[in-house]
Amino acid sequence: MERASVHEPQEIIHISGGDAIHLLKMGTVLLDVRPDYELSRLFDVERVIYCPYSEIADHLQELPRDKALIIADAVGLRSKEVCQLLLESGYQEVYNLAGGIVDWDRMGYPVSKDKSRILTGSCMCQLRIRNKN
């Protein structure tokens, strides 16, 4: 997990859930960029910020620059794009959580479930948040 020097172009570093757990214990912040409708499963970690992918550019100034950031989404695709944006915006220590919350949950890392956000519907165009607790 070494970071390139300031003179070299920075590449995105992809990390596993195990690497993320280690970094989170050292004070790293997890930035979850999933849209609201994907938040029925939440990362159950101490330092997490939720900001949808579509709003990141508007909230760059609000993200901590003094801490490392792990960027996460559902499977690791949009988070990769956010990593690139952050690196281009001057953030120094940015990691992409490979596999997102899907692999995180599959590997047994801490997840909480928000039953009020579980989606229901017969097809993608009809998905709605089910309001049952």
Protein backbone atom coordinates (compact mmCIF):
# COMPACT_ATOMS: atom_id res chain seq x y z
CA MET A 1 0.00 0.00 0.00
CA GLU A 2 2.76 2.45 -0.84
CA ARG A 3 1.89 5.83 -2.29
CA ALA A 4 3.88 7.28 -5.21
CA SER A 5 6.08 10.28 -4.56
CA VAL A 6 4.66 13.73 -5.25
CA HIS A 7 6.66 13.92 -8.49
CA GLU A 8 5.14 10.80 -10.02
CA PRO A 9 1.54 10.59 -11.23
CA GLN A 10 -0.53 8.93 -8.55
CA GLU A 11 -2.30 5.72 -9.37
CA ILE A 12 -5.34 4.37 -7.62
CA ILE A 13 -4.51 1.83 -4.96
CA HIS A 14 -7.09 -0.95 -4.70
CA ILE A 15 -7.33 -2.61 -1.29
CA SER A 16 -9.14 -5.62 0.13
CA GLY A 17 -11.55 -5.60 3.04
CA GLY A 18 -8.77 -6.91 5.29
CA ASP A 19 -6.47 -4.04 4.30
CA ALA A 20 -9.36 -1.63 4.89
CA ILE A 21 -9.98 -2.99 8.39
CA HIS A 22 -6.29 -2.44 9.20
CA LEU A 23 -6.34 1.13 7.84
CA LEU A 24 -9.60 1.94 9.64
CA LYS A 25 -8.02 0.88 12.96
CA MET A 26 -5.26 3.43 12.23
CA GLY A 27 -7.74 6.31 11.86
CA THR A 28 -8.58 6.16 8.17
CA VAL A 29 -12.07 7.39 7.15
CA LEU A 30 -14.36 5.35 4.92
CA LEU A 31 -16.22 7.42 2.32
CA ASP A 32 -19.31 5.56 1.06
CA VAL A 33 -20.38 7.01 -2.30
CA ARG A 34 -23.44 4.85 -2.93
CA PRO A 35 -26.74 6.61 -3.70
CA ASP A 36 -29.37 6.61 -0.96
CA TYR A 37 -31.40 3.82 -2.54
CA GLU A 38 -28.42 1.43 -2.12
CA LEU A 39 -28.00 2.03 1.62
CA SER A 40 -29.95 -0.91 3.06
CA ARG A 41 -26.60 -2.45 4.07
CA LEU A 42 -24.21 -0.07 5.83
CA PHE A 43 -20.54 -0.34 6.67
CA ASP A 44 -20.52 -0.82 10.44
CA VAL A 45 -17.28 1.05 11.14
CA GLU A 46 -16.40 3.93 13.43
CA ARG A 47 -15.46 6.62 10.90
CA VAL A 48 -17.71 6.68 7.84
CA ILE A 49 -18.98 9.53 5.68
CA TYR A 50 -21.91 9.07 3.31
CA CYS A 51 -21.92 11.23 0.19
CA PRO A 52 -23.54 9.97 -3.01
CA TYR A 53 -21.27 9.64 -6.02
CA SER A 54 -23.30 12.25 -7.91
CA GLU A 55 -22.66 14.88 -5.20
CA ILE A 56 -18.94 14.38 -4.50
CA ALA A 57 -17.75 17.24 -6.71
CA ASP A 58 -20.01 19.65 -4.80
CA HIS A 59 -18.68 18.51 -1.41
CA LEU A 60 -14.92 18.15 -1.96
CA GLN A 61 -14.12 20.95 0.50
CA GLU A 62 -16.03 19.13 3.25
CA LEU A 63 -13.94 15.94 3.03
CA PRO A 64 -11.00 15.63 5.44
CA ARG A 65 -7.59 16.24 3.90
CA ASP A 66 -5.68 15.34 7.06
CA LYS A 67 -6.78 11.68 7.06
CA ALA A 68 -6.49 8.82 4.62
CA LEU A 69 -9.74 8.01 2.78
CA ILE A 70 -11.06 4.63 1.69
CA ILE A 71 -13.62 5.12 -1.05
CA ALA A 72 -16.37 2.48 -1.23
CA ASP A 73 -19.51 1.78 -3.21
CA ALA A 74 -21.49 -1.36 -4.03
CA VAL A 75 -18.83 -3.22 -6.06
CA GLY A 76 -15.85 -0.88 -6.51
CA LEU A 77 -16.60 0.78 -9.86
CA ARG A 78 -17.91 4.25 -9.04
CA SER A 79 -15.57 4.42 -6.08
CA LYS A 80 -12.66 4.07 -8.52
CA GLU A 81 -13.87 7.17 -10.38
CA VAL A 82 -14.18 9.09 -7.10
CA CYS A 83 -10.63 8.05 -6.17
CA GLN A 84 -9.39 9.50 -9.45
CA LEU A 85 -11.28 12.76 -8.83
CA LEU A 86 -9.85 13.05 -5.31
CA LEU A 87 -6.30 12.40 -6.48
CA GLU A 88 -6.69 15.01 -9.23
CA SER A 89 -8.04 17.41 -6.57
CA GLY A 90 -4.92 17.08 -4.42
CA TYR A 91 -5.89 14.41 -1.93
CA GLN A 92 -2.78 12.42 -1.08
CA GLU A 93 -3.86 9.19 0.60
CA VAL A 94 -6.85 7.66 -1.18
CA TYR A 95 -7.71 3.96 -1.51
CA ASN A 96 -10.41 2.13 -3.47
CA LEU A 97 -12.20 -0.69 -1.66
CA ALA A 98 -12.12 -3.49 -4.23
CA GLY A 99 -15.45 -5.31 -4.38
CA GLY A 100 -17.28 -2.62 -2.39
CA ILE A 101 -19.84 -3.55 0.23
CA VAL A 102 -20.78 -6.70 -1.69
CA ASP A 103 -17.38 -8.34 -1.07
CA TRP A 104 -17.10 -6.66 2.36
CA ASP A 105 -20.35 -8.33 3.46
CA ARG A 106 -19.49 -11.64 1.77
CA MET A 107 -16.18 -11.76 3.69
CA GLY A 108 -17.98 -11.26 7.00
CA TYR A 109 -16.74 -7.76 7.80
CA PRO A 110 -19.05 -5.59 9.96
CA VAL A 111 -22.29 -4.57 8.27
CA SER A 112 -25.51 -3.22 9.70
CA LYS A 113 -28.81 -3.51 7.93
CA ASP A 114 -31.31 -0.67 7.77
CA LYS A 115 -34.63 -2.47 7.22
CA SER A 116 -36.39 0.84 6.56
CA ARG A 117 -34.30 1.21 3.37
CA ILE A 118 -34.83 -2.26 1.87
CA LEU A 119 -36.09 -1.92 -1.68
CA THR A 120 -39.05 -3.82 -3.05
CA GLY A 121 -40.64 -3.95 -6.49
CA SER A 122 -41.24 -6.30 -9.39
CA CYS A 123 -38.62 -4.66 -11.63
CA MET A 124 -35.92 -1.96 -11.42
CA CYS A 125 -38.29 0.75 -12.68
CA GLN A 126 -40.71 0.05 -9.82
CA LEU A 127 -38.29 -0.18 -6.90
CA ARG A 128 -39.42 1.67 -3.80
CA ILE A 129 -38.15 1.77 -0.25
CA ARG A 130 -40.19 -0.63 1.82
CA ASN A 131 -41.32 1.20 4.96
CA LYS A 132 -41.43 -1.81 7.26
CA ASN A 133 -39.15 -2.06 10.29
